[in-house]
Amino acid sequence: MNFLWEVILKSKEQGVEEKNIRFAAAKNYSAYMEVSGAFLNEDMVDGKAVVEINPYYRFYDIFKNLYQPELKEFLQLRDSLTNLLLHQLAENDVLSGMTRGEYYKKLLYQDLDRGVFGIAAMDAIRLFHRDEQDVILSGLLRQYQTGSSLDIFKDMMEALIPDNIVYHSNENSNEVLIYVGLKKEKQMEAKVNFLVRMFIEIPYRVDIYYEYHFGIIGVEETMRIDEIIMC
């Protein structure tokens, strides 16, 4: 990590909360690097450690008067102010590199994480890894732009849930059958239910089958004794 914004992005990837990162002005630093890590190629963020920054690399005008050699008073206050300023500058860095879509996704995630979509959705979004969350947020943006569709739901299932098949009934246009070839465990059930609630419209009736496929007359693979669910 060479730049302030890389620390924030790495912390998000590694699940380290930003509030647990403390920035400080480095006592010894290279004039050619912003982050003064213990190792040149360090790419892990320890939420309990202090991240030392060369404040003069890009922010000389902000910090030049804070670290004059003759200043001996209010050092603790200076350290706290430095941490706050570097957090704000890091956030500005991250936002300045965002597209409009990325900014909207950030706001959507904040709403999900605060429970705006309900407690169940708040708990469920945290079950997904960061890359998976990005897929979900992209799907939600696409849904807001084009409207709900089973195609978007199928894309979400294909990207996030292994070994699944989504059926749309030909006889009843409001019926959707979902097969998940895994055991019905609490975490998997929460993930699937979350995707159903977020991406399938209210008029649809959804039935979900885990581990064992339901029998389909005429399809031999689904009509094996002791390996199907009768419905």
C-alpha atoms as a PDB file:
ATOM      1  CA  MET A   1       0.000   0.000   0.000  1.00  0.00           C
ATOM      2  CA  ASN A   2       1.531   3.301  -1.086  1.00  0.00           C
ATOM      3  CA  PHE A   3      -1.386   5.720  -0.739  1.00  0.00           C
ATOM      4  CA  LEU A   4      -3.899   6.716   1.917  1.00  0.00           C
ATOM      5  CA  TRP A   5      -6.865   5.585  -0.144  1.00  0.00           C
ATOM      6  CA  GLU A   6      -5.341   2.110  -0.552  1.00  0.00           C
ATOM      7  CA  VAL A   7      -5.481   1.628   3.227  1.00  0.00           C
ATOM      8  CA  ILE A   8      -9.228   2.312   3.238  1.00  0.00           C
ATOM      9  CA  LEU A   9      -9.943   0.026   0.282  1.00  0.00           C
ATOM     10  CA  LYS A  10      -7.805  -2.777   1.737  1.00  0.00           C
ATOM     11  CA  SER A  11      -9.554  -2.455   5.092  1.00  0.00           C
ATOM     12  CA  LYS A  12     -12.940  -2.846   3.377  1.00  0.00           C
ATOM     13  CA  GLU A  13     -11.729  -5.927   1.506  1.00  0.00           C
ATOM     14  CA  GLN A  14     -10.398  -7.484   4.714  1.00  0.00           C
ATOM     15  CA  GLY A  15     -13.460  -6.650   6.838  1.00  0.00           C
ATOM     16  CA  VAL A  16     -11.638  -4.176   9.090  1.00  0.00           C
ATOM     17  CA  GLU A  17     -13.918  -1.359  10.238  1.00  0.00           C
ATOM     18  CA  GLU A  18     -12.642   2.076   9.297  1.00  0.00           C
ATOM     19  CA  LYS A  19     -13.270   3.405  12.820  1.00  0.00           C
ATOM     20  CA  ASN A  20     -10.711   0.905  14.136  1.00  0.00           C
ATOM     21  CA  ILE A  21      -7.935   2.315  11.967  1.00  0.00           C
ATOM     22  CA  ARG A  22      -5.872   5.049  13.562  1.00  0.00           C
ATOM     23  CA  PHE A  23      -3.667   7.251  11.391  1.00  0.00           C
ATOM     24  CA  ALA A  24      -0.581   9.018  12.717  1.00  0.00           C
ATOM     25  CA  ALA A  25       2.182  11.165  11.292  1.00  0.00           C
ATOM     26  CA  ALA A  26       5.222   8.948  10.798  1.00  0.00           C
ATOM     27  CA  LYS A  27       8.379   9.773  12.725  1.00  0.00           C
ATOM     28  CA  ASN A  28      10.547   8.196  10.049  1.00  0.00           C
ATOM     29  CA  TYR A  29       9.357   8.062   6.456  1.00  0.00           C
ATOM     30  CA  SER A  30      10.419   7.991   2.837  1.00  0.00           C
ATOM     31  CA  ALA A  31       9.960  11.151   0.825  1.00  0.00           C
ATOM     32  CA  TYR A  32       8.711   8.968  -2.039  1.00  0.00           C
ATOM     33  CA  MET A  33       5.924   7.092  -0.248  1.00  0.00           C
ATOM     34  CA  GLU A  34       2.776   8.205   1.555  1.00  0.00           C
ATOM     35  CA  VAL A  35       2.196   5.122   3.735  1.00  0.00           C
ATOM     36  CA  SER A  36       5.144   4.302   5.976  1.00  0.00           C
ATOM     37  CA  GLY A  37       4.597   0.602   6.548  1.00  0.00           C
ATOM     38  CA  ALA A  38       7.013  -1.761   8.247  1.00  0.00           C
ATOM     39  CA  PHE A  39       7.401  -3.622   4.945  1.00  0.00           C
ATOM     40  CA  LEU A  40       7.572  -2.160   1.453  1.00  0.00           C
ATOM     41  CA  ASN A  41       4.989  -4.562  -0.029  1.00  0.00           C
ATOM     42  CA  GLU A  42       2.682  -4.748   2.992  1.00  0.00           C
ATOM     43  CA  ASP A  43      -0.954  -5.254   1.928  1.00  0.00           C
ATOM     44  CA  MET A  44      -2.693  -6.254   5.183  1.00  0.00           C
ATOM     45  CA  VAL A  45      -4.503  -3.840   7.495  1.00  0.00           C
ATOM     46  CA  ASP A  46      -4.449  -4.536  11.223  1.00  0.00           C
ATOM     47  CA  GLY A  47      -7.460  -2.851  12.804  1.00  0.00           C
ATOM     48  CA  LYS A  48      -5.629  -2.540  16.130  1.00  0.00           C
ATOM     49  CA  ALA A  49      -2.412  -1.062  14.755  1.00  0.00           C
ATOM     50  CA  VAL A  50      -1.536   2.541  13.972  1.00  0.00           C
ATOM     51  CA  VAL A  51      -1.023   3.310  10.276  1.00  0.00           C
ATOM     52  CA  GLU A  52       1.810   5.801   9.896  1.00  0.00           C
ATOM     53  CA  ILE A  53       1.531   8.357   7.104  1.00  0.00           C
ATOM     54  CA  ASN A  54       3.953  10.842   5.582  1.00  0.00           C
ATOM     55  CA  PRO A  55       1.655  13.911   5.843  1.00  0.00           C
ATOM     56  CA  TYR A  56       3.874  16.009   3.589  1.00  0.00           C
ATOM     57  CA  TYR A  57       3.688  13.676   0.579  1.00  0.00           C
ATOM     58  CA  ARG A  58       0.432  15.242  -0.691  1.00  0.00           C
ATOM     59  CA  PHE A  59      -0.890  17.319   2.187  1.00  0.00           C
ATOM     60  CA  TYR A  60       1.975  19.676   3.026  1.00  0.00           C
ATOM     61  CA  ASP A  61      -0.247  22.773   3.078  1.00  0.00           C
ATOM     62  CA  ILE A  62      -2.546  21.158   5.652  1.00  0.00           C
ATOM     63  CA  PHE A  63       0.075  19.788   8.049  1.00  0.00           C
ATOM     64  CA  LYS A  64       3.030  22.184   7.670  1.00  0.00           C
ATOM     65  CA  ASN A  65       2.069  24.253  10.733  1.00  0.00           C
ATOM     66  CA  LEU A  66       1.005  21.296  12.906  1.00  0.00           C
ATOM     67  CA  TYR A  67       4.448  19.724  13.053  1.00  0.00           C
ATOM     68  CA  GLN A  68       6.807  22.633  13.582  1.00  0.00           C
ATOM     69  CA  PRO A  69       9.790  21.480  15.702  1.00  0.00           C
ATOM     70  CA  GLU A  70       9.190  24.174  18.327  1.00  0.00           C
ATOM     71  CA  LEU A  71       5.633  22.991  19.075  1.00  0.00           C
ATOM     72  CA  LYS A  72       5.752  21.139  22.414  1.00  0.00           C
ATOM     73  CA  GLU A  73       2.243  21.640  23.800  1.00  0.00           C
ATOM     74  CA  PHE A  74      -1.068  19.860  23.144  1.00  0.00           C
ATOM     75  CA  LEU A  75       0.660  16.915  21.479  1.00  0.00           C
ATOM     76  CA  GLN A  76      -2.205  14.522  22.254  1.00  0.00           C
ATOM     77  CA  LEU A  77      -4.679  16.970  20.724  1.00  0.00           C
ATOM     78  CA  ARG A  78      -2.441  17.243  17.655  1.00  0.00           C
ATOM     79  CA  ASP A  79      -2.357  13.458  17.280  1.00  0.00           C
ATOM     80  CA  SER A  80      -6.160  13.238  17.503  1.00  0.00           C
ATOM     81  CA  LEU A  81      -6.573  16.057  14.990  1.00  0.00           C
ATOM     82  CA  THR A  82      -4.116  14.362  12.626  1.00  0.00           C
ATOM     83  CA  ASN A  83      -6.095  11.108  12.819  1.00  0.00           C
ATOM     84  CA  LEU A  84      -9.386  12.899  12.081  1.00  0.00           C
ATOM     85  CA  LEU A  85      -7.917  14.889   9.195  1.00  0.00           C
ATOM     86  CA  LEU A  86      -6.327  11.822   7.584  1.00  0.00           C
ATOM     87  CA  HIS A  87      -9.577   9.863   7.877  1.00  0.00           C
ATOM     88  CA  GLN A  88     -11.430  12.665   6.110  1.00  0.00           C
ATOM     89  CA  LEU A  89      -8.753  12.984   3.448  1.00  0.00           C
ATOM     90  CA  ALA A  90      -8.820   9.228   2.892  1.00  0.00           C
ATOM     91  CA  GLU A  91     -12.611   9.292   2.497  1.00  0.00           C
ATOM     92  CA  ASN A  92     -12.295  12.180   0.018  1.00  0.00           C
ATOM     93  CA  ASP A  93      -9.729  10.121  -1.915  1.00  0.00           C
ATOM     94  CA  VAL A  94     -12.063   7.126  -2.136  1.00  0.00           C
ATOM     95  CA  LEU A  95     -15.062   9.204  -3.190  1.00  0.00           C
ATOM     96  CA  SER A  96     -13.111  11.148  -5.815  1.00  0.00           C
ATOM     97  CA  GLY A  97     -12.282   7.883  -7.569  1.00  0.00           C
ATOM     98  CA  MET A  98     -15.882   6.638  -7.600  1.00  0.00           C
ATOM     99  CA  THR A  99     -18.168   6.583 -10.585  1.00  0.00           C
ATOM    100  CA  ARG A 100     -21.763   7.663 -10.034  1.00  0.00           C
ATOM    101  CA  GLY A 101     -22.785   4.014  -9.960  1.00  0.00           C
ATOM    102  CA  GLU A 102     -20.214   3.198  -7.282  1.00  0.00           C
ATOM    103  CA  TYR A 103     -21.467   6.127  -5.206  1.00  0.00           C
ATOM    104  CA  TYR A 104     -25.070   4.917  -5.480  1.00  0.00           C
ATOM    105  CA  LYS A 105     -23.980   1.422  -4.460  1.00  0.00           C
ATOM    106  CA  LYS A 106     -22.256   2.865  -1.404  1.00  0.00           C
ATOM    107  CA  LEU A 107     -25.489   4.619  -0.379  1.00  0.00           C
ATOM    108  CA  LEU A 108     -27.523   1.456  -1.005  1.00  0.00           C
ATOM    109  CA  TYR A 109     -25.203  -0.594   1.180  1.00  0.00           C
ATOM    110  CA  GLN A 110     -25.447   1.982   3.959  1.00  0.00           C
ATOM    111  CA  ASP A 111     -29.246   1.708   3.846  1.00  0.00           C
ATOM    112  CA  LEU A 112     -29.078  -2.096   3.960  1.00  0.00           C
ATOM    113  CA  ASP A 113     -26.548  -2.041   6.788  1.00  0.00           C
ATOM    114  CA  ARG A 114     -28.675   0.398   8.830  1.00  0.00           C
ATOM    115  CA  GLY A 115     -31.785  -1.765   8.521  1.00  0.00           C
ATOM    116  CA  VAL A 116     -33.718   0.528   6.161  1.00  0.00           C
ATOM    117  CA  PHE A 117     -34.783  -2.585   4.195  1.00  0.00           C
ATOM    118  CA  GLY A 118     -35.602  -4.473   7.397  1.00  0.00           C
ATOM    119  CA  ILE A 119     -33.650  -6.367  10.035  1.00  0.00           C
ATOM    120  CA  ALA A 120     -33.654  -9.624   8.042  1.00  0.00           C
ATOM    121  CA  ALA A 121     -32.087  -7.870   5.035  1.00  0.00           C
ATOM    122  CA  MET A 122     -29.550  -6.150   7.299  1.00  0.00           C
ATOM    123  CA  ASP A 123     -28.463  -9.488   8.756  1.00  0.00           C
ATOM    124  CA  ALA A 124     -28.486 -11.264   5.380  1.00  0.00           C
ATOM    125  CA  ILE A 125     -26.312  -8.752   3.482  1.00  0.00           C
ATOM    126  CA  ARG A 126     -23.569  -9.347   6.051  1.00  0.00           C
ATOM    127  CA  LEU A 127     -23.506 -13.055   5.176  1.00  0.00           C
ATOM    128  CA  PHE A 128     -22.091 -12.243   1.746  1.00  0.00           C
ATOM    129  CA  HIS A 129     -18.428 -11.444   1.072  1.00  0.00           C
ATOM    130  CA  ARG A 130     -17.497  -7.988  -0.221  1.00  0.00           C
ATOM    131  CA  ASP A 131     -17.340  -9.096  -3.868  1.00  0.00           C
ATOM    132  CA  GLU A 132     -20.723 -10.799  -3.505  1.00  0.00           C
ATOM    133  CA  GLN A 133     -22.177  -7.661  -1.938  1.00  0.00           C
ATOM    134  CA  ASP A 134     -20.987  -5.709  -4.970  1.00  0.00           C
ATOM    135  CA  VAL A 135     -22.860  -8.145  -7.247  1.00  0.00           C
ATOM    136  CA  ILE A 136     -26.046  -7.645  -5.201  1.00  0.00           C
ATOM    137  CA  LEU A 137     -25.730  -3.846  -5.206  1.00  0.00           C
ATOM    138  CA  SER A 138     -25.140  -3.838  -8.974  1.00  0.00           C
ATOM    139  CA  GLY A 139     -28.269  -5.966  -9.379  1.00  0.00           C
ATOM    140  CA  LEU A 140     -30.319  -3.582  -7.249  1.00  0.00           C
ATOM    141  CA  LEU A 141     -29.148  -0.598  -9.313  1.00  0.00           C
ATOM    142  CA  ARG A 142     -30.022  -2.446 -12.511  1.00  0.00           C
ATOM    143  CA  GLN A 143     -33.437  -3.235 -11.054  1.00  0.00           C
ATOM    144  CA  TYR A 144     -34.085   0.414 -10.175  1.00  0.00           C
ATOM    145  CA  GLN A 145     -33.095   1.449 -13.693  1.00  0.00           C
ATOM    146  CA  THR A 146     -34.994  -1.183 -15.702  1.00  0.00           C
ATOM    147  CA  GLY A 147     -37.627  -2.531 -13.292  1.00  0.00           C
ATOM    148  CA  SER A 148     -37.937  -5.933 -11.653  1.00  0.00           C
ATOM    149  CA  SER A 149     -37.489  -9.029 -13.781  1.00  0.00           C
ATOM    150  CA  LEU A 150     -36.884 -12.713 -13.297  1.00  0.00           C
ATOM    151  CA  ASP A 151     -33.783 -12.367 -15.475  1.00  0.00           C
ATOM    152  CA  ILE A 152     -32.115 -10.171 -12.841  1.00  0.00           C
ATOM    153  CA  PHE A 153     -33.090 -12.630 -10.097  1.00  0.00           C
ATOM    154  CA  LYS A 154     -31.684 -15.535 -12.128  1.00  0.00           C
ATOM    155  CA  ASP A 155     -28.437 -13.618 -12.623  1.00  0.00           C
ATOM    156  CA  MET A 156     -28.179 -13.050  -8.860  1.00  0.00           C
ATOM    157  CA  MET A 157     -28.839 -16.715  -8.089  1.00  0.00           C
ATOM    158  CA  GLU A 158     -26.307 -17.880 -10.680  1.00  0.00           C
ATOM    159  CA  ALA A 159     -23.619 -15.545  -9.337  1.00  0.00           C
ATOM    160  CA  LEU A 160     -24.203 -16.085  -5.619  1.00  0.00           C
ATOM    161  CA  ILE A 161     -25.814 -19.486  -4.946  1.00  0.00           C
ATOM    162  CA  PRO A 162     -24.037 -22.657  -6.129  1.00  0.00           C
ATOM    163  CA  ASP A 163     -25.917 -25.498  -7.840  1.00  0.00           C
ATOM    164  CA  ASN A 164     -29.309 -23.877  -8.363  1.00  0.00           C
ATOM    165  CA  ILE A 165     -32.045 -23.938 -11.022  1.00  0.00           C
ATOM    166  CA  VAL A 166     -34.858 -21.376 -11.283  1.00  0.00           C
ATOM    167  CA  TYR A 167     -38.072 -22.502 -13.008  1.00  0.00           C
ATOM    168  CA  HIS A 168     -40.871 -20.242 -14.214  1.00  0.00           C
ATOM    169  CA  SER A 169     -44.129 -22.154 -14.590  1.00  0.00           C
ATOM    170  CA  ASN A 170     -45.671 -22.229 -18.068  1.00  0.00           C
ATOM    171  CA  GLU A 171     -49.102 -23.013 -16.635  1.00  0.00           C
ATOM    172  CA  ASN A 172     -49.116 -20.329 -13.947  1.00  0.00           C
ATOM    173  CA  SER A 173     -47.213 -17.163 -14.864  1.00  0.00           C
ATOM    174  CA  ASN A 174     -47.010 -16.105 -11.202  1.00  0.00           C
ATOM    175  CA  GLU A 175     -45.378 -19.328 -10.000  1.00  0.00           C
ATOM    176  CA  VAL A 176     -41.612 -19.669  -9.547  1.00  0.00           C
ATOM    177  CA  LEU A 177     -39.876 -22.866  -8.402  1.00  0.00           C
ATOM    178  CA  ILE A 178     -36.301 -22.751  -7.109  1.00  0.00           C
ATOM    179  CA  TYR A 179     -34.061 -25.768  -6.654  1.00  0.00           C
ATOM    180  CA  VAL A 180     -30.888 -25.441  -4.560  1.00  0.00           C
ATOM    181  CA  GLY A 181     -28.744 -28.560  -4.614  1.00  0.00           C
ATOM    182  CA  LEU A 182     -27.431 -28.038  -1.076  1.00  0.00           C
ATOM    183  CA  LYS A 183     -28.690 -28.961   2.372  1.00  0.00           C
ATOM    184  CA  LYS A 184     -31.126 -26.537   3.950  1.00  0.00           C
ATOM    185  CA  GLU A 185     -28.877 -24.770   6.426  1.00  0.00           C
ATOM    186  CA  LYS A 186     -29.686 -21.538   8.255  1.00  0.00           C
ATOM    187  CA  GLN A 187     -27.117 -19.374   6.465  1.00  0.00           C
ATOM    188  CA  MET A 188     -27.930 -20.659   2.975  1.00  0.00           C
ATOM    189  CA  GLU A 189     -31.663 -20.282   3.622  1.00  0.00           C
ATOM    190  CA  ALA A 190     -31.145 -16.682   4.773  1.00  0.00           C
ATOM    191  CA  LYS A 191     -29.168 -15.867   1.618  1.00  0.00           C
ATOM    192  CA  VAL A 192     -31.774 -17.363  -0.743  1.00  0.00           C
ATOM    193  CA  ASN A 193     -34.688 -15.736   1.099  1.00  0.00           C
ATOM    194  CA  PHE A 194     -32.895 -12.387   0.939  1.00  0.00           C
ATOM    195  CA  LEU A 195     -32.459 -12.633  -2.839  1.00  0.00           C
ATOM    196  CA  VAL A 196     -36.111 -13.632  -3.242  1.00  0.00           C
ATOM    197  CA  ARG A 197     -37.316 -10.661  -1.172  1.00  0.00           C
ATOM    198  CA  MET A 198     -35.058  -8.163  -2.927  1.00  0.00           C
ATOM    199  CA  PHE A 199     -35.447  -9.278  -6.541  1.00  0.00           C
ATOM    200  CA  ILE A 200     -38.826 -10.994  -7.000  1.00  0.00           C
ATOM    201  CA  GLU A 201     -42.017  -8.971  -7.229  1.00  0.00           C
ATOM    202  CA  ILE A 202     -44.875  -9.484  -4.746  1.00  0.00           C
ATOM    203  CA  PRO A 203     -47.390 -11.155  -7.162  1.00  0.00           C
ATOM    204  CA  TYR A 204     -45.092 -14.147  -7.649  1.00  0.00           C
ATOM    205  CA  ARG A 205     -45.540 -17.270  -5.550  1.00  0.00           C
ATOM    206  CA  VAL A 206     -42.142 -18.803  -4.816  1.00  0.00           C
ATOM    207  CA  ASP A 207     -41.435 -22.386  -3.678  1.00  0.00           C
ATOM    208  CA  ILE A 208     -37.881 -23.309  -2.706  1.00  0.00           C
ATOM    209  CA  TYR A 209     -36.526 -26.886  -2.624  1.00  0.00           C
ATOM    210  CA  TYR A 210     -33.193 -27.829  -1.045  1.00  0.00           C
ATOM    211  CA  GLU A 211     -30.930 -30.827  -1.682  1.00  0.00           C
ATOM    212  CA  TYR A 212     -33.535 -33.008  -3.449  1.00  0.00           C
ATOM    213  CA  HIS A 213     -35.037 -31.947  -6.776  1.00  0.00           C
ATOM    214  CA  PHE A 214     -38.795 -32.105  -7.267  1.00  0.00           C
ATOM    215  CA  GLY A 215     -40.056 -34.642  -9.772  1.00  0.00           C
ATOM    216  CA  ILE A 216     -40.853 -33.542 -13.319  1.00  0.00           C
ATOM    217  CA  ILE A 217     -42.816 -36.050 -15.380  1.00  0.00           C
ATOM    218  CA  GLY A 218     -40.929 -36.907 -18.541  1.00  0.00           C
ATOM    219  CA  VAL A 219     -37.535 -35.821 -17.187  1.00  0.00           C
ATOM    220  CA  GLU A 220     -35.839 -39.023 -16.065  1.00  0.00           C
ATOM    221  CA  GLU A 221     -33.078 -37.318 -14.060  1.00  0.00           C
ATOM    222  CA  THR A 222     -35.684 -35.835 -11.709  1.00  0.00           C
ATOM    223  CA  MET A 223     -37.705 -39.030 -11.188  1.00  0.00           C
ATOM    224  CA  ARG A 224     -35.262 -41.144  -9.184  1.00  0.00           C
ATOM    225  CA  ILE A 225     -36.662 -42.968  -6.154  1.00  0.00           C
ATOM    226  CA  ASP A 226     -35.499 -41.516  -2.804  1.00  0.00           C
ATOM    227  CA  GLU A 227     -33.878 -38.585  -4.623  1.00  0.00           C
ATOM    228  CA  ILE A 228     -36.895 -36.415  -5.342  1.00  0.00           C
ATOM    229  CA  ILE A 229     -39.440 -34.313  -3.502  1.00  0.00           C
ATOM    230  CA  MET A 230     -43.059 -34.844  -4.465  1.00  0.00           C
ATOM    231  CA  CYS A 231     -44.919 -31.590  -4.945  1.00  0.00           C
END
